[in-house]
Protein backbone atom coordinates (compact mmCIF):
# COMPACT_ATOMS: atom_id res chain seq x y z
CA MET A 1 0.00 0.00 0.00
CA LYS A 2 1.40 3.38 -0.99
CA ARG A 3 1.63 6.15 1.61
CA ALA A 4 0.84 9.74 0.68
CA LEU A 5 1.34 12.93 2.69
CA ILE A 6 -0.96 15.83 1.79
CA THR A 7 -0.14 19.30 3.10
CA GLY A 8 -3.14 21.61 3.18
CA ILE A 9 -5.51 18.65 3.50
CA THR A 10 -8.25 20.83 5.03
CA GLY A 11 -8.61 22.91 1.85
CA GLN A 12 -10.65 22.29 -1.28
CA ASP A 13 -7.85 20.52 -3.16
CA GLY A 14 -6.66 18.63 -0.09
CA SER A 15 -10.05 17.09 0.62
CA PHE A 16 -10.57 16.06 -3.02
CA MET A 17 -7.06 14.61 -3.15
CA ALA A 18 -7.59 12.62 0.06
CA GLU A 19 -10.77 11.09 -1.36
CA TYR A 20 -9.09 10.32 -4.68
CA LEU A 21 -6.13 8.58 -3.07
CA LEU A 22 -8.30 6.62 -0.63
CA GLU A 23 -10.26 5.30 -3.60
CA LYS A 24 -6.93 4.07 -4.99
CA ASN A 25 -6.16 2.28 -1.72
CA TYR A 26 -3.46 4.67 -0.49
CA GLN A 27 -2.67 5.21 3.16
CA VAL A 28 -3.30 8.95 3.50
CA VAL A 29 -1.74 11.26 6.07
CA GLY A 30 -2.65 14.93 6.24
CA PHE A 31 -0.46 17.78 7.46
CA ALA A 32 -2.53 20.68 8.78
CA ARG A 33 -2.23 23.73 10.94
CA SER A 34 -4.18 23.66 14.19
CA THR A 35 -6.93 26.28 14.25
CA GLY A 36 -7.10 26.32 18.01
CA GLY A 37 -6.39 23.60 20.53
CA SER A 38 -6.07 20.35 18.61
CA GLN A 39 -9.13 20.75 16.41
CA VAL A 40 -8.78 20.95 12.65
CA ASN A 41 -11.67 21.58 10.27
CA ILE A 42 -11.35 18.47 8.11
CA ALA A 43 -14.31 17.06 6.19
CA PRO A 44 -16.24 14.79 8.61
CA HIS A 45 -16.39 11.87 6.16
CA LEU A 46 -12.57 11.80 6.01
CA LYS A 47 -11.79 11.86 9.74
CA SER A 48 -11.91 8.11 10.29
CA HIS A 49 -9.88 7.37 7.15
CA VAL A 50 -7.05 9.91 7.33
CA GLN A 51 -4.29 10.29 9.89
CA LEU A 52 -3.61 13.92 10.79
CA ILE A 53 -0.33 15.49 11.83
CA LEU A 54 -0.59 19.01 13.19
CA GLY A 55 2.07 21.52 12.29
CA ASP A 56 2.95 24.72 10.50
CA MET A 57 4.52 24.98 7.03
CA ALA A 58 6.46 27.98 8.33
CA ASN A 59 8.15 25.76 10.92
CA GLN A 60 10.99 23.72 9.45
CA VAL A 61 10.97 21.27 12.36
CA ASP A 62 7.25 20.55 11.97
CA ILE A 63 7.39 19.58 8.30
CA ALA A 64 10.65 17.64 8.71
CA SER A 65 9.14 15.69 11.60
CA ALA A 66 6.04 14.86 9.57
CA ILE A 67 8.08 13.52 6.66
CA THR A 68 10.36 11.52 8.96
CA THR A 69 7.33 10.02 10.70
CA VAL A 70 5.43 9.08 7.54
CA ILE A 71 8.25 8.30 5.05
CA PRO A 72 5.74 8.81 2.23
CA ASP A 73 5.93 7.44 -1.29
CA GLU A 74 4.19 10.56 -2.59
CA ILE A 75 3.82 14.09 -1.24
CA TYR A 76 1.22 16.56 -2.44
CA ASN A 77 2.20 20.05 -1.33
CA LEU A 78 -1.15 21.87 -1.48
CA ALA A 79 -0.72 24.12 1.57
CA SER A 80 -0.55 27.86 0.99
CA GLN A 81 -1.85 31.25 1.86
CA SER A 82 -4.13 31.06 -1.15
CA ARG A 83 -5.78 34.47 -1.37
CA PRO A 84 -4.00 36.87 -3.77
CA SER A 85 -6.08 39.80 -2.47
CA GLU A 86 -5.16 39.11 1.17
CA SER A 87 -1.49 38.79 0.28
CA TRP A 88 -1.29 42.58 -0.09
CA THR A 89 -1.92 43.04 3.64
CA HIS A 90 0.09 39.97 4.70
CA ALA A 91 2.98 40.05 2.24
CA ALA A 92 5.69 38.78 4.59
CA GLU A 93 3.51 35.99 5.99
CA THR A 94 2.56 34.93 2.45
CA LEU A 95 6.23 34.58 1.49
CA VAL A 96 7.02 32.58 4.62
CA ILE A 97 4.13 30.13 4.14
CA ASN A 98 4.14 29.77 0.35
CA GLY A 99 7.83 30.28 -0.32
CA MET A 100 9.87 29.17 2.68
CA GLY A 101 7.30 26.53 3.60
CA ALA A 102 7.92 24.84 0.26
CA VAL A 103 11.69 25.06 0.73
CA HIS A 104 11.40 23.50 4.20
CA LEU A 105 9.52 20.61 2.59
CA PHE A 106 12.03 20.16 -0.25
CA GLU A 107 14.92 20.20 2.20
CA ALA A 108 13.24 17.62 4.43
CA VAL A 109 12.68 15.38 1.42
CA ARG A 110 16.32 15.74 0.39
CA THR A 111 17.65 14.77 3.80
CA GLN A 112 15.00 12.38 5.11
CA CYS A 113 13.10 10.84 2.21
CA PRO A 114 14.89 11.39 -1.12
CA THR A 115 12.98 8.67 -3.00
CA ALA A 116 9.58 10.31 -2.43
CA LYS A 117 7.79 11.79 -5.41
CA VAL A 118 6.70 15.39 -4.72
CA TYR A 119 3.91 17.31 -6.38
CA HIS A 120 4.14 21.06 -5.77
CA ALA A 121 1.16 23.31 -6.47
CA SER A 122 2.24 26.32 -8.51
CA SER A 123 -0.22 28.89 -9.82
CA SER A 124 -1.25 30.66 -13.01
CA GLU A 125 -1.04 33.88 -10.98
CA MET A 126 2.71 33.63 -11.57
CA PHE A 127 2.17 34.74 -15.19
CA GLY A 128 0.71 38.00 -13.88
CA ARG A 129 1.06 40.83 -16.38
CA THR A 130 2.10 38.52 -19.18
CA LYS A 131 2.16 39.92 -22.69
CA SER A 132 1.46 36.61 -24.44
CA ALA A 133 -1.56 34.32 -24.40
CA PRO A 134 -2.28 31.51 -23.96
CA GLN A 135 0.38 30.60 -21.41
CA ASN A 136 2.36 27.36 -21.45
CA GLU A 137 5.28 25.89 -19.51
CA ASP A 138 7.76 28.20 -21.27
CA THR A 139 5.88 31.49 -20.79
CA PRO A 140 7.91 33.94 -18.63
CA PHE A 141 6.56 34.83 -15.21
CA ASP A 142 5.66 38.42 -14.31
CA PRO A 143 3.89 38.27 -10.92
CA ALA A 144 1.43 41.04 -10.04
CA SER A 145 0.80 40.29 -6.34
CA PRO A 146 2.78 39.18 -3.28
CA TYR A 147 0.97 35.84 -3.55
CA ALA A 148 2.13 35.37 -7.14
CA ALA A 149 5.69 36.38 -6.25
CA SER A 150 5.79 33.85 -3.41
CA LYS A 151 4.58 31.14 -5.82
CA VAL A 152 7.30 32.04 -8.35
CA TYR A 153 9.93 31.68 -5.63
CA ALA A 154 8.63 28.25 -4.58
CA HIS A 155 8.29 27.12 -8.19
CA GLN A 156 11.89 28.05 -8.99
CA MET A 157 13.18 26.45 -5.81
CA ALA A 158 11.36 23.23 -6.75
CA ARG A 159 13.20 23.26 -10.06
CA ILE A 160 16.53 24.00 -8.37
CA TYR A 161 16.13 21.14 -5.87
CA ARG A 162 15.06 18.81 -8.68
CA GLU A 163 18.02 19.62 -10.89
CA SER A 164 20.62 19.96 -8.14
CA TYR A 165 19.80 16.87 -6.09
CA GLY A 166 18.03 14.58 -8.57
CA LEU A 167 14.79 14.66 -6.60
CA PHE A 168 11.41 13.88 -8.12
CA ILE A 169 9.70 17.26 -7.69
CA ALA A 170 7.06 18.17 -10.26
CA ASN A 171 5.25 21.50 -10.54
CA GLY A 172 1.63 21.77 -11.56
CA ILE A 173 0.99 25.31 -12.84
CA LEU A 174 -2.69 25.31 -12.03
CA PHE A 175 -5.13 27.81 -13.44
CA ASN A 176 -8.20 28.76 -11.40
CA HIS A 177 -10.14 25.71 -10.26
CA GLU A 178 -13.32 25.91 -8.27
CA SER A 179 -15.96 23.68 -6.71
CA GLU A 180 -18.77 23.60 -4.20
CA ARG A 181 -16.05 23.17 -1.53
CA ARG A 182 -14.45 26.57 -2.11
CA PRO A 183 -14.44 28.78 1.01
CA LEU A 184 -16.67 31.83 0.89
CA HIS A 185 -13.76 34.28 0.61
CA PHE A 186 -13.19 33.18 -3.01
CA VAL A 187 -15.04 35.34 -5.53
CA THR A 188 -16.56 32.39 -7.39
CA GLN A 189 -18.13 31.05 -4.20
CA LYS A 190 -19.30 34.52 -3.21
CA ILE A 191 -21.17 34.76 -6.49
CA ALA A 192 -22.73 31.31 -6.03
CA TYR A 193 -23.69 32.35 -2.51
CA GLY A 194 -25.13 35.65 -3.71
CA ALA A 195 -27.23 33.87 -6.34
CA ALA A 196 -28.57 31.49 -3.70
CA CYS A 197 -29.45 34.42 -1.45
CA ALA A 198 -31.30 36.10 -4.31
CA ALA A 199 -33.23 32.90 -5.04
CA LEU A 200 -34.24 32.47 -1.39
CA GLY A 201 -35.09 36.14 -0.80
CA ILE A 202 -32.25 36.68 1.70
CA VAL A 203 -31.60 40.43 1.76
CA THR A 204 -28.91 40.43 4.45
CA SER A 205 -26.79 37.29 4.53
CA PRO A 206 -25.76 35.49 7.74
CA HIS A 207 -22.18 35.00 6.50
CA LEU A 208 -19.60 37.78 6.49
CA ASN A 209 -16.98 38.87 3.96
CA GLU A 210 -13.33 39.78 4.53
CA ARG A 211 -14.40 43.23 5.80
CA ASN A 212 -16.56 41.58 8.48
CA GLN A 213 -19.73 42.71 6.74
CA PRO A 214 -22.57 40.57 5.36
CA ILE A 215 -21.62 39.14 1.97
CA VAL A 216 -25.03 40.26 0.73
CA GLN A 217 -26.27 43.60 2.09
CA HIS A 218 -29.55 45.24 1.12
CA GLY A 219 -29.97 42.53 -1.49
CA LYS A 220 -26.64 43.41 -3.18
CA LEU A 221 -23.42 41.44 -3.59
CA ALA A 222 -20.35 43.70 -3.73
CA LEU A 223 -17.49 42.59 -6.00
CA GLY A 224 -14.35 44.25 -7.32
CA ASN A 225 -13.42 44.51 -10.98
CA LEU A 226 -16.20 42.85 -12.99
CA ASP A 227 -14.15 42.97 -16.19
CA ILE A 228 -11.46 40.51 -15.12
CA SER A 229 -11.17 37.31 -17.14
CA ARG A 230 -9.90 33.95 -15.95
CA ASP A 231 -9.53 30.35 -17.04
CA TRP A 232 -11.81 28.56 -14.55
CA GLY A 233 -12.01 24.76 -14.28
CA TYR A 234 -13.49 22.21 -11.91
CA ALA A 235 -11.28 21.22 -8.97
CA HIS A 236 -11.83 17.47 -9.10
CA ASP A 237 -10.59 17.38 -12.70
CA PHE A 238 -7.40 19.09 -11.55
CA ILE A 239 -6.88 16.53 -8.77
CA GLN A 240 -6.73 13.78 -11.39
CA ALA A 241 -4.03 15.77 -13.22
CA MET A 242 -1.97 16.14 -10.03
CA TRP A 243 -1.99 12.41 -9.37
CA THR A 244 -1.14 11.57 -12.98
CA ILE A 245 1.83 13.97 -12.89
CA LEU A 246 3.38 11.87 -10.09
CA GLN A 247 2.84 8.62 -11.98
CA GLN A 248 5.28 9.70 -14.71
CA ASP A 249 8.74 8.18 -14.94
CA THR A 250 10.51 11.54 -14.72
CA PRO A 251 9.52 14.78 -12.96
CA ASP A 252 8.35 17.68 -15.10
CA ASP A 253 6.24 20.82 -15.01
CA PHE A 254 2.73 21.00 -16.48
CA VAL A 255 0.23 23.77 -17.14
CA ILE A 256 -3.23 22.58 -16.06
CA GLY A 257 -6.26 24.55 -17.22
CA THR A 258 -9.24 24.47 -19.56
CA GLY A 259 -7.88 26.76 -22.26
CA GLN A 260 -11.12 28.77 -22.14
CA LEU A 261 -11.49 32.33 -20.90
CA HIS A 262 -14.55 33.65 -19.03
CA THR A 263 -15.26 37.06 -17.51
CA LEU A 264 -16.54 37.71 -14.01
CA ARG A 265 -19.64 39.24 -15.59
CA GLU A 266 -20.27 35.98 -17.43
CA LEU A 267 -19.84 34.03 -14.21
CA CYS A 268 -22.41 36.28 -12.51
CA GLU A 269 -24.84 35.91 -15.40
CA ILE A 270 -24.70 32.10 -15.33
CA ALA A 271 -24.98 31.87 -11.54
CA TYR A 272 -27.98 34.17 -11.21
CA GLN A 273 -29.64 32.88 -14.38
CA SER A 274 -29.53 29.36 -12.91
CA VAL A 275 -31.97 30.56 -10.21
CA GLY A 276 -34.06 32.70 -12.55
CA LYS A 277 -32.57 36.06 -11.58
CA ASN A 278 -30.95 38.94 -13.46
CA TRP A 279 -27.46 39.38 -11.98
CA GLN A 280 -27.45 43.12 -12.68
CA ASP A 281 -30.25 43.56 -10.14
CA HIS A 282 -28.15 41.96 -7.40
CA VAL A 283 -24.44 42.71 -8.04
CA ILE A 284 -22.49 45.96 -7.65
CA SER A 285 -18.83 46.83 -8.23
CA ASP A 286 -17.06 48.30 -5.19
CA PRO A 287 -13.80 50.16 -5.96
CA ALA A 288 -12.49 49.24 -2.50
CA LEU A 289 -12.37 45.59 -3.56
CA ILE A 290 -10.24 46.17 -6.67
CA ARG A 291 -6.62 45.00 -6.37
CA PRO A 292 -3.79 47.56 -6.73
CA LEU A 293 -2.44 45.40 -9.58
CA ASP A 294 -4.10 42.52 -11.34
CA ALA A 295 -3.09 39.83 -13.77
CA ASN A 296 -3.65 40.27 -17.49
CA LEU A 297 -5.53 37.76 -19.62
CA THR A 298 -4.28 34.47 -18.21
CA VAL A 299 -5.55 31.46 -20.14
CA ALA A 300 -3.97 28.02 -20.23
CA ASP A 301 -2.36 26.18 -23.08
CA PRO A 302 -2.76 22.65 -21.65
CA SER A 303 -1.53 20.87 -24.77
CA LYS A 304 1.48 19.32 -22.99
CA ALA A 305 -0.78 17.83 -20.31
CA ALA A 306 -3.16 16.56 -22.97
CA LYS A 307 -0.35 14.89 -24.89
CA GLN A 308 1.83 13.50 -22.10
CA LEU A 309 -0.75 12.92 -19.35
CA ASN A 310 -3.75 12.21 -21.56
CA TRP A 311 -5.58 14.74 -19.40
CA LYS A 312 -8.53 16.95 -20.27
CA PRO A 313 -11.31 18.56 -18.21
CA THR A 314 -14.64 16.75 -17.92
CA ILE A 315 -16.85 19.38 -16.21
CA ASP A 316 -17.50 22.56 -18.20
CA PHE A 317 -17.80 26.10 -16.86
CA ASN A 318 -21.61 26.25 -16.80
CA GLU A 319 -21.98 22.93 -15.01
CA MET A 320 -19.37 23.91 -12.43
CA ILE A 321 -21.13 27.18 -11.57
CA GLN A 322 -24.50 25.46 -11.35
CA LYS A 323 -23.04 22.85 -8.97
CA MET A 324 -21.72 25.64 -6.76
CA VAL A 325 -25.04 27.50 -6.70
CA GLN A 326 -26.95 24.32 -5.83
CA ALA A 327 -24.57 23.66 -2.92
CA GLN A 328 -25.18 27.17 -1.57
CA LEU A 329 -28.93 26.74 -1.92
CA GLU A 330 -28.69 23.59 0.20
CA LEU A 331 -26.60 25.46 2.77
CA LEU A 332 -28.94 28.44 3.05
CA ARG A 333 -32.38 26.91 2.55
CA PRO A 334 -32.76 25.67 6.17
CA LEU A 335 -32.29 29.27 7.34
CA VAL A 336 -35.45 30.46 5.60
CA GLU A 337 -37.71 27.45 6.10
């Protein structure tokens, strides 16, 4: 039985990855930061199947101890400070978690478990203000946020450790991937939540945004720049790509995305239309939520993954958004019944 260590197991990708590996008869161990006491918010259906090790990616001893304890065959490094917008107010912390945390892991693998295969989660945000589209594995990086810069650092260090020490460290340059498990601070989930509120007649939502205000106030959902465009895919499809990357004979880097570009306005239209509402009646743009800098048109060229991994997405954009809205309806409906 193979053993896998998943950092960031409490997040969207971590929970999907744990399920996927358990289905393949792996022994799964999760590495997670304690949120207070010894309690960690892991999906209830995983608790009896996954061993948890508490620790902090910023602490070199914690991650080294976890790897020494588990001696995993595969490591999926999915832990990060994952909010580009929040990285502006926590720039140093973002670098420590995303950048140095990854280096701590690579160093522990080098010294304690050099035969392990490591998947490292890079990000399309690294392309930033790119002048070419679509982006592939050879497109230069031009990060436009502290989050993106921290991901570039970790990505390059993964390459350096791979080439310098002969380690199996592969980077997945993942474009935006969403699901019904996304936390509410992600814009896609906010929109799904806002659509559900509109459908149920909730004028002031019970859940709060990053400014500690109701996500929906006076029947309105406040967003930032509605003109941004992204390549959005479904998270579970991306999990399959991550696993397949580690099944290759040699480590390599892969761009994972749908190759299709959608605007935030289009996302709003689909979400609200799925519940019979006009998004323009329920969504406003708030200048205070617009980032100081934002990425240009980032859209994936996943041709390498298609050719070498035989990977392609199975859930399209519309179906993904509808899944997310339905999940929010199920969450909120008991509050109004």
